[in-house]
Amino acid sequence: MARVLVMIPSGEVYDHDSVRWYQYSNVQRNIDHYHNIGDAFVFDSSLKLMNYDRLAELPIMGPKMEYIDRLREEYDYVILRGSNYVHQHMDWTDAVPVLKRLGLPVIAFGIGAQAPVKGQIELSDATKAVLRVMADSTVSVGVRGAYSAQVLNDIGIQNVRIIGCPTAFRRNDPDMRISLPALDDVREVGVTVRREVSPDYAQDIERYLTLHRDLIKDMARRFDVTLMAQGEVEEKKLVLGTDEQKDEAIAALKANQWAADWYLDETVEKLYRQRLFYSDVVADYENLVKSKDLVLGYRLHGNLMALANGIPSIYFTYDSRTAEFAETYQIPSFNVFGDKPFRLEDYWDQGLFDRYNLAWRETYQEMQAFLTENGVDHKMVKAQQRASDSVRRVA
């Protein structure tokens, strides 16, 4: 089995292929630190697709090159978990000299480009150099969608395969599909919340937040709702903090002009105090979504975790990243900056989710092909292989 190096991990690994945030049980150590636990979803999911017996971090910040030489002899390849790396502000520190010295294949596991609201994307020389080193080291570079593929093509990288995100395939089940229950039977709903957003990517913050607020309130009126946060400090304090920290969090939200004017009204504040969920353990999110009849909202990976477990989800798209995911998988999605109101009934259509089921299956095959052609020992079996294995077990 493989010996794997991880470049830019996002959390600590336990039980072989499960991920949680660093020192997750020391709540006060992390309470004032923003980290997007969705990144840990991707790391955790990447590990769950692979077979390996040894795992270690590849340092890219000032390592001794003698140590890099030793890693070359002890490991087979490097994985770079999928994330928003392809943009002008990415800091790669010493990645280029490290990867060139290491000389091992670097498996780009669903990386993506982020388009700015205005103008064309600009990449730093360091980002271009890292991407070219990765592309030269492998048969293909795995990207999340067509936009990211085009950005790489524009800098001369053509050995690209669109594979989406490992989170979608974390159960290694090629027969996964979404089957909608009757809407009248829906009771438990998760709303993935992302209060903080950059004006560099969301073109109208007021509309973004007011629609977000209205979605939360509408779902709470109709269903037993859980608000699923993924890392903002105030939301973390409301879930994990002391009574004093919870009061501080509400005070901070009320002092934030965007939140106070467009988001945190009396109803949302009450829901925040009573119905908010956050954890630094990926498995906690997976267990939560399994208990839901529907998950929808603004969080890319929170929604994808639901879909990965056969739970219907609807995306609220507001930037190139969320739109690209919805396009890759044909996920039913609502454009936050469009001119139509959101009505859940408009999306409760098995035909829409059958389009998703087909695109998901096709992308599953692309992910499988990507791992195979790059020499990654993986668990992604084909549907017909799974069927034949079952026959052999019965026999």
Protein backbone atom coordinates (compact mmCIF):
# COMPACT_ATOMS: atom_id res chain seq x y z
CA MET A 1 0.00 0.00 0.00
CA ALA A 2 1.04 3.57 -0.62
CA ARG A 3 3.13 5.93 1.45
CA VAL A 4 1.63 9.38 1.11
CA LEU A 5 2.81 12.92 1.83
CA VAL A 6 0.19 15.63 2.39
CA MET A 7 0.82 19.18 1.23
CA ILE A 8 -1.18 21.82 3.17
CA PRO A 9 -3.24 19.50 5.41
CA SER A 10 -6.22 20.88 7.28
CA GLY A 11 -6.46 19.16 10.64
CA GLU A 12 -5.09 16.18 12.51
CA VAL A 13 -5.68 12.61 11.38
CA TYR A 14 -7.04 9.95 13.74
CA ASP A 15 -8.38 6.42 13.23
CA HIS A 16 -6.32 6.18 10.04
CA ASP A 17 -8.49 8.29 7.70
CA SER A 18 -10.60 10.63 9.86
CA VAL A 19 -9.85 14.32 10.40
CA ARG A 20 -10.57 16.83 13.14
CA TRP A 21 -9.09 20.24 13.87
CA TYR A 22 -5.77 20.43 15.70
CA GLN A 23 -6.19 19.89 19.46
CA TYR A 24 -9.94 19.99 18.89
CA SER A 25 -10.76 19.16 22.52
CA ASN A 26 -8.96 22.29 23.75
CA VAL A 27 -11.89 24.55 22.92
CA GLN A 28 -10.41 27.73 24.35
CA ARG A 29 -7.23 27.32 22.28
CA ASN A 30 -9.25 27.61 19.06
CA ILE A 31 -12.22 29.74 20.11
CA ASP A 32 -10.82 33.01 18.73
CA HIS A 33 -9.32 31.45 15.61
CA TYR A 34 -11.19 31.40 12.31
CA HIS A 35 -10.71 28.28 10.26
CA ASN A 36 -13.11 26.84 7.72
CA ILE A 37 -13.83 23.30 8.86
CA GLY A 38 -14.99 22.64 5.30
CA ASP A 39 -11.31 22.36 4.36
CA ALA A 40 -11.08 19.46 6.81
CA PHE A 41 -14.07 17.85 5.04
CA VAL A 42 -12.00 17.73 1.85
CA PHE A 43 -8.90 16.40 3.60
CA ASP A 44 -10.92 13.73 5.40
CA SER A 45 -12.70 12.76 2.18
CA SER A 46 -9.46 12.55 0.20
CA LEU A 47 -8.07 10.07 2.71
CA LYS A 48 -11.26 8.01 2.52
CA LEU A 49 -10.81 7.51 -1.23
CA MET A 50 -7.28 6.12 -0.91
CA ASN A 51 -5.54 2.99 0.28
CA TYR A 52 -2.33 3.78 2.17
CA ASP A 53 -0.36 2.57 5.14
CA ARG A 54 1.77 5.62 5.88
CA LEU A 55 0.94 9.33 5.98
CA ALA A 56 3.00 12.43 6.77
CA GLU A 57 3.00 16.16 6.16
CA LEU A 58 5.23 17.69 3.51
CA PRO A 59 6.62 20.94 4.93
CA ILE A 60 6.80 23.84 2.48
CA MET A 61 7.94 26.56 4.85
CA GLY A 62 11.70 26.65 5.32
CA PRO A 63 12.45 22.92 5.59
CA LYS A 64 15.98 21.55 5.49
CA MET A 65 16.59 20.08 2.06
CA GLU A 66 18.32 17.06 3.60
CA TYR A 67 14.97 16.21 5.15
CA ILE A 68 13.25 16.59 1.79
CA ASP A 69 15.80 14.17 0.32
CA ARG A 70 14.90 11.64 2.99
CA LEU A 71 11.19 12.01 2.27
CA ARG A 72 11.86 11.28 -1.39
CA GLU A 73 13.20 7.87 -0.42
CA GLU A 74 10.46 7.08 2.09
CA TYR A 75 7.26 8.15 0.26
CA ASP A 76 5.58 7.49 -3.07
CA TYR A 77 3.69 10.68 -3.91
CA VAL A 78 2.21 13.90 -2.57
CA ILE A 79 -1.46 14.85 -2.42
CA LEU A 80 -2.67 18.45 -2.43
CA ARG A 81 -6.23 18.49 -1.09
CA GLY A 82 -8.73 20.36 -3.20
CA SER A 83 -9.20 24.00 -2.28
CA ASN A 84 -9.25 27.54 -3.65
CA TYR A 85 -5.54 27.76 -4.42
CA VAL A 86 -5.66 29.34 -7.87
CA HIS A 87 -5.85 33.08 -7.23
CA GLN A 88 -3.52 36.04 -6.98
CA HIS A 89 -3.20 36.10 -3.18
CA MET A 90 -2.15 32.49 -2.56
CA ASP A 91 1.08 32.25 -0.54
CA TRP A 92 3.03 29.14 -1.51
CA THR A 93 6.09 30.00 0.66
CA ASP A 94 8.84 27.54 -0.39
CA ALA A 95 6.66 25.08 -2.31
CA VAL A 96 8.46 25.43 -5.66
CA PRO A 97 12.01 24.59 -4.48
CA VAL A 98 10.65 21.91 -2.15
CA LEU A 99 8.66 20.15 -4.88
CA LYS A 100 11.50 20.39 -7.37
CA ARG A 101 13.92 18.93 -4.83
CA LEU A 102 11.45 16.23 -3.78
CA GLY A 103 10.83 15.05 -7.34
CA LEU A 104 7.74 12.99 -6.49
CA PRO A 105 4.36 13.12 -8.25
CA VAL A 106 2.10 15.81 -6.79
CA ILE A 107 -1.55 14.81 -7.02
CA ALA A 108 -3.74 17.93 -7.29
CA PHE A 109 -6.97 16.59 -5.80
CA GLY A 110 -9.70 18.88 -7.18
CA ILE A 111 -8.09 22.31 -6.94
CA GLY A 112 -10.02 25.40 -8.04
CA ALA A 113 -9.71 28.95 -9.29
CA GLN A 114 -11.63 31.86 -7.76
CA ALA A 115 -12.81 34.60 -10.10
CA PRO A 116 -12.97 38.17 -8.74
CA VAL A 117 -16.23 40.11 -9.01
CA LYS A 118 -14.60 42.59 -11.39
CA GLY A 119 -11.92 42.05 -13.99
CA GLN A 120 -10.00 38.97 -14.99
CA ILE A 121 -8.26 36.56 -12.67
CA GLU A 122 -4.58 37.28 -12.11
CA LEU A 123 -2.14 34.67 -10.91
CA SER A 124 1.18 35.29 -9.22
CA ASP A 125 4.37 33.91 -10.73
CA ALA A 126 4.64 31.59 -7.71
CA THR A 127 1.19 30.14 -8.31
CA LYS A 128 1.95 29.57 -11.99
CA ALA A 129 5.24 27.91 -11.09
CA VAL A 130 3.63 25.56 -8.54
CA LEU A 131 0.88 24.58 -10.96
CA ARG A 132 3.43 23.81 -13.69
CA VAL A 133 5.54 21.70 -11.35
CA MET A 134 2.45 19.69 -10.41
CA ALA A 135 1.32 19.32 -14.01
CA ASP A 136 4.77 18.13 -15.10
CA SER A 137 4.89 15.54 -12.33
CA THR A 138 1.63 13.70 -13.11
CA VAL A 139 -0.47 12.40 -15.97
CA SER A 140 -3.25 14.84 -15.08
CA VAL A 141 -4.17 17.71 -12.75
CA GLY A 142 -7.53 17.32 -11.00
CA VAL A 143 -9.68 20.46 -10.97
CA ARG A 144 -13.19 21.07 -9.66
CA GLY A 145 -14.84 22.40 -12.82
CA ALA A 146 -14.74 23.95 -16.28
CA TYR A 147 -13.74 27.44 -15.14
CA SER A 148 -10.73 26.14 -13.22
CA ALA A 149 -9.76 23.99 -16.20
CA GLN A 150 -9.86 27.06 -18.46
CA VAL A 151 -7.69 29.10 -16.09
CA LEU A 152 -5.03 26.37 -16.16
CA ASN A 153 -5.33 26.02 -19.92
CA ASP A 154 -4.72 29.76 -20.27
CA ILE A 155 -1.29 29.36 -18.64
CA GLY A 156 -0.42 26.40 -20.83
CA ILE A 157 -1.48 23.50 -18.60
CA GLN A 158 -3.59 21.17 -20.71
CA ASN A 159 -3.32 17.82 -18.92
CA VAL A 160 -6.36 18.64 -16.81
CA ARG A 161 -9.24 16.41 -15.70
CA ILE A 162 -12.45 17.76 -14.13
CA ILE A 163 -13.06 15.66 -11.00
CA GLY A 164 -15.15 17.88 -8.74
CA CYS A 165 -14.38 17.40 -5.04
CA PRO A 166 -13.44 14.29 -3.04
CA THR A 167 -16.17 15.07 -0.49
CA ALA A 168 -18.85 14.10 -3.02
CA PHE A 169 -17.43 10.56 -3.27
CA ARG A 170 -16.33 9.92 0.31
CA ARG A 171 -18.51 6.79 0.62
CA ASN A 172 -16.95 5.17 -2.48
CA ASP A 173 -20.40 4.13 -3.65
CA PRO A 174 -20.84 4.46 -7.42
CA ASP A 175 -24.57 3.77 -7.08
CA MET A 176 -25.32 6.70 -4.76
CA ARG A 177 -28.33 8.74 -5.88
CA ILE A 178 -30.73 11.34 -4.53
CA SER A 179 -34.38 10.29 -4.33
CA LEU A 180 -36.71 13.02 -3.12
CA PRO A 181 -39.30 12.23 -0.47
CA ALA A 182 -42.65 13.98 -0.61
CA LEU A 183 -42.15 17.56 0.49
CA ASP A 184 -44.93 17.08 3.07
CA ASP A 185 -42.75 14.41 4.70
CA VAL A 186 -39.77 16.73 5.19
CA ARG A 187 -39.29 17.58 8.86
CA GLU A 188 -35.61 17.99 9.72
CA VAL A 189 -33.74 20.63 7.69
CA GLY A 190 -30.17 21.86 7.92
CA VAL A 191 -29.35 25.39 6.72
CA THR A 192 -25.66 25.89 6.01
CA VAL A 193 -24.78 29.44 7.05
CA ARG A 194 -21.99 31.69 5.86
CA ARG A 195 -22.44 35.11 7.40
CA GLU A 196 -18.95 36.40 6.60
CA VAL A 197 -18.29 37.03 2.93
CA SER A 198 -15.84 39.15 0.98
CA PRO A 199 -17.04 41.92 -1.35
CA ASP A 200 -14.25 40.76 -3.66
CA TYR A 201 -16.41 37.74 -4.48
CA ALA A 202 -20.02 38.59 -3.53
CA GLN A 203 -21.14 41.49 -5.71
CA ASP A 204 -23.87 42.82 -3.40
CA ILE A 205 -23.39 42.23 0.34
CA GLU A 206 -26.77 43.65 1.32
CA ARG A 207 -28.65 41.30 -1.00
CA TYR A 208 -26.44 38.37 0.04
CA LEU A 209 -27.17 38.87 3.74
CA THR A 210 -30.85 39.79 3.51
CA LEU A 211 -31.59 36.72 1.39
CA HIS A 212 -29.54 34.66 3.82
CA ARG A 213 -31.60 36.01 6.73
CA ASP A 214 -34.87 35.39 4.90
CA LEU A 215 -33.86 31.80 4.04
CA ILE A 216 -33.10 31.05 7.70
CA LYS A 217 -36.41 32.51 8.86
CA ASP A 218 -38.46 30.82 6.14
CA MET A 219 -36.98 27.39 6.84
CA ALA A 220 -37.44 27.88 10.60
CA ARG A 221 -41.13 28.68 10.08
CA ARG A 222 -41.70 25.52 8.06
CA PHE A 223 -39.36 22.91 9.53
CA ASP A 224 -37.37 21.77 12.54
CA VAL A 225 -34.21 23.62 11.56
CA THR A 226 -30.53 23.37 12.47
CA LEU A 227 -28.20 26.20 11.45
CA MET A 228 -24.86 24.69 10.42
CA ALA A 229 -21.87 27.02 10.85
CA GLN A 230 -18.38 26.21 9.62
CA GLY A 231 -15.89 28.44 11.40
CA GLU A 232 -16.77 32.11 11.99
CA VAL A 233 -15.56 33.11 15.46
CA GLU A 234 -18.87 34.52 16.75
CA GLU A 235 -20.78 31.43 15.65
CA LYS A 236 -18.20 29.18 17.29
CA LYS A 237 -18.48 31.09 20.56
CA LEU A 238 -22.26 30.76 20.55
CA VAL A 239 -21.93 26.97 20.29
CA LEU A 240 -18.76 26.17 22.22
CA GLY A 241 -18.05 29.22 24.36
CA THR A 242 -18.70 30.17 27.96
CA ASP A 243 -21.76 32.23 28.84
CA GLU A 244 -19.56 35.31 28.80
CA GLN A 245 -18.18 34.44 25.36
CA LYS A 246 -21.70 33.88 24.03
CA ASP A 247 -22.68 37.36 25.18
CA GLU A 248 -19.52 38.73 23.59
CA ALA A 249 -20.43 37.04 20.33
CA ILE A 250 -23.91 38.58 20.18
CA ALA A 251 -22.48 41.99 21.09
CA ALA A 252 -19.90 41.65 18.29
CA LEU A 253 -22.58 40.72 15.77
CA LYS A 254 -24.72 43.68 16.78
CA ALA A 255 -21.69 45.98 16.47
CA ASN A 256 -21.01 44.70 12.94
CA GLN A 257 -22.88 47.05 10.59
CA TRP A 258 -23.48 44.43 7.90
CA ALA A 259 -24.78 41.87 10.38
CA ALA A 260 -26.82 44.37 12.38
CA ASP A 261 -28.46 46.01 9.36
CA TRP A 262 -29.08 43.04 7.09
CA TYR A 263 -28.81 39.77 8.99
CA LEU A 264 -29.18 39.53 12.76
CA ASP A 265 -32.74 40.55 13.54
CA GLU A 266 -34.60 39.33 16.63
CA THR A 267 -35.70 36.06 15.04
CA VAL A 268 -32.26 35.15 13.71
CA GLU A 269 -30.65 36.02 17.05
CA LYS A 270 -33.02 33.64 18.83
CA LEU A 271 -32.27 30.88 16.32
CA TYR A 272 -28.56 31.55 16.69
CA ARG A 273 -28.86 31.09 20.44
CA GLN A 274 -30.99 27.93 20.21
CA ARG A 275 -30.45 26.17 16.88
CA LEU A 276 -26.82 26.74 15.89
CA PHE A 277 -24.42 23.83 15.29
CA TYR A 278 -20.63 23.83 15.01
CA SER A 279 -17.96 21.19 15.53
CA ASP A 280 -14.24 20.82 14.90
CA VAL A 281 -14.74 17.14 14.03
CA VAL A 282 -15.71 16.19 10.46
CA ALA A 283 -17.55 13.05 11.60
CA ASP A 284 -19.91 15.20 13.69
CA TYR A 285 -21.07 16.99 10.54
CA GLU A 286 -21.55 13.74 8.68
CA ASN A 287 -23.63 12.31 11.53
CA LEU A 288 -25.69 15.50 11.60
CA VAL A 289 -26.52 15.55 7.87
CA LYS A 290 -27.53 11.89 7.99
CA SER A 291 -30.33 12.91 10.36
CA LYS A 292 -31.72 15.53 7.95
CA ASP A 293 -34.35 15.29 5.25
CA LEU A 294 -32.88 18.31 3.43
CA VAL A 295 -29.76 20.46 3.68
CA LEU A 296 -29.52 23.74 1.80
CA GLY A 297 -27.78 27.07 1.96
CA TYR A 298 -24.59 28.97 1.42
CA ARG A 299 -21.88 26.52 2.47
CA LEU A 300 -20.31 24.61 -0.39
CA HIS A 301 -18.87 21.75 1.64
CA GLY A 302 -21.70 21.58 4.16
CA ASN A 303 -24.13 21.05 1.29
CA LEU A 304 -21.80 18.59 -0.42
CA MET A 305 -21.48 16.49 2.73
CA ALA A 306 -25.24 16.05 2.62
CA LEU A 307 -25.27 15.06 -1.05
CA ALA A 308 -22.43 12.62 -0.38
CA ASN A 309 -24.72 10.83 2.06
CA GLY A 310 -27.76 10.74 -0.22
CA ILE A 311 -29.49 13.73 1.39
CA PRO A 312 -31.09 16.29 -0.98
CA SER A 313 -29.38 19.66 -1.06
CA ILE A 314 -29.91 22.97 -2.85
CA TYR A 315 -27.04 25.37 -3.38
CA PHE A 316 -27.23 29.13 -3.03
CA THR A 317 -24.62 30.34 -5.52
CA TYR A 318 -22.98 33.73 -5.05
CA ASP A 319 -19.47 33.48 -6.53
CA SER A 320 -17.56 31.57 -9.19
CA ARG A 321 -16.62 28.81 -6.76
CA THR A 322 -20.17 27.88 -5.71
CA ALA A 323 -21.45 28.31 -9.28
CA GLU A 324 -18.67 26.05 -10.61
CA PHE A 325 -19.56 23.27 -8.19
CA ALA A 326 -23.23 23.52 -9.06
CA GLU A 327 -22.34 23.34 -12.75
CA THR A 328 -19.95 20.38 -12.41
CA TYR A 329 -22.52 18.28 -10.57
CA GLN A 330 -25.67 19.86 -12.02
CA ILE A 331 -26.83 20.54 -8.46
CA PRO A 332 -30.17 22.36 -8.19
CA SER A 333 -29.12 25.89 -7.29
CA PHE A 334 -30.51 29.34 -6.61
CA ASN A 335 -28.58 32.38 -7.87
CA VAL A 336 -28.40 34.82 -4.96
CA PHE A 337 -27.93 37.72 -7.38
CA GLY A 338 -30.64 36.68 -9.83
CA ASP A 339 -34.00 38.41 -10.17
CA LYS A 340 -36.27 35.65 -8.82
CA PRO A 341 -37.38 34.90 -5.25
CA PHE A 342 -36.48 31.57 -3.72
CA ARG A 343 -39.33 29.05 -3.49
CA LEU A 344 -38.44 25.60 -2.20
CA GLU A 345 -41.28 24.07 -4.23
CA ASP A 346 -39.59 25.17 -7.47
CA TYR A 347 -36.62 22.92 -6.66
CA TRP A 348 -38.50 19.92 -5.27
CA ASP A 349 -38.44 18.14 -8.60
CA GLN A 350 -37.00 14.65 -9.05
CA GLY A 351 -36.18 15.56 -12.65
CA LEU A 352 -33.74 18.22 -11.40
CA PHE A 353 -32.11 15.75 -9.05
CA ASP A 354 -31.93 13.09 -11.75
CA ARG A 355 -29.75 15.51 -13.71
CA TYR A 356 -27.56 15.72 -10.61
CA ASN A 357 -27.54 11.93 -10.23
CA LEU A 358 -26.29 11.53 -13.81
CA ALA A 359 -23.62 14.25 -13.53
CA TRP A 360 -22.48 12.89 -10.16
CA ARG A 361 -22.07 9.40 -11.61
CA GLU A 362 -20.10 10.73 -14.57
CA THR A 363 -17.84 12.76 -12.29
CA TYR A 364 -17.38 9.75 -10.02
CA GLN A 365 -15.97 7.94 -13.05
CA GLU A 366 -13.70 10.91 -13.80
CA MET A 367 -12.37 10.90 -10.24
CA GLN A 368 -11.77 7.17 -10.44
CA ALA A 369 -9.94 7.55 -13.76
CA PHE A 370 -7.89 10.44 -12.37
CA LEU A 371 -6.66 8.43 -9.39
CA THR A 372 -5.94 5.36 -11.53
CA GLU A 373 -3.99 7.18 -14.24
CA ASN A 374 -1.87 8.94 -11.61
CA GLY A 375 -0.96 5.72 -9.82
CA VAL A 376 -2.97 6.35 -6.65
CA ASP A 377 -4.04 3.19 -4.83
CA HIS A 378 -7.74 3.89 -4.27
CA LYS A 379 -11.08 2.44 -3.12
CA MET A 380 -13.32 3.79 -5.90
CA VAL A 381 -14.79 0.67 -7.47
CA LYS A 382 -16.91 0.64 -10.59
CA ALA A 383 -20.60 -0.19 -10.34
CA GLN A 384 -20.20 -3.43 -12.28
CA GLN A 385 -17.16 -4.37 -10.20
CA ARG A 386 -19.15 -3.89 -7.01
CA ALA A 387 -21.90 -6.12 -8.41
CA SER A 388 -19.45 -8.89 -9.35
CA ASP A 389 -17.76 -8.67 -5.94
CA SER A 390 -21.17 -9.14 -4.32
CA VAL A 391 -21.81 -12.22 -6.46
CA ARG A 392 -18.46 -13.70 -5.44
CA ARG A 393 -19.19 -13.09 -1.75
CA VAL A 394 -22.55 -14.86 -2.05
CA ALA A 395 -20.97 -17.77 -3.88
